[in-house]
Amino acid sequence: MMVWKGLLNYGYTEKAHELIYRWLWMITKNAVNYNGTIPEKYDVVSATHKVFAEYGNVGTDFEYITREGFGWMNASYIYGLDLLPDIYKDNLNELIEPDILFNQP
């Protein structure tokens, strides 16, 4: 979240929007694929919740994850939506992959 704001403050708007979109897309895709579940940890390189961690969402068993989610994850999602232009929100609603949207290989 600090990187997003820093990029925006220094005029790197397009890069900030791309990073915000990628973060929100990863969380949204996970929620869609796993019945609204928002775990605490993600592998941002692979854009998945399937991450080995000492604690948090180890593996894929979601029985212990609260329905309310995790405070900082919820905050990052709301804050990201607040910073993102409406056109990107429309793309997010359709789950358009970031690599397609930002012409990345």
Foldseek 3Di string as FASTA:
>chain_A
DVVLVVCVVVVVPVVSQLVLLLLLLLQLVACVVPVHDGWDDDDSVVSHRADDDPDTPHHPDPPPADNVHDVVSVVSNVVSVVSHDPVSVVCSVVSDDSCVVVVND
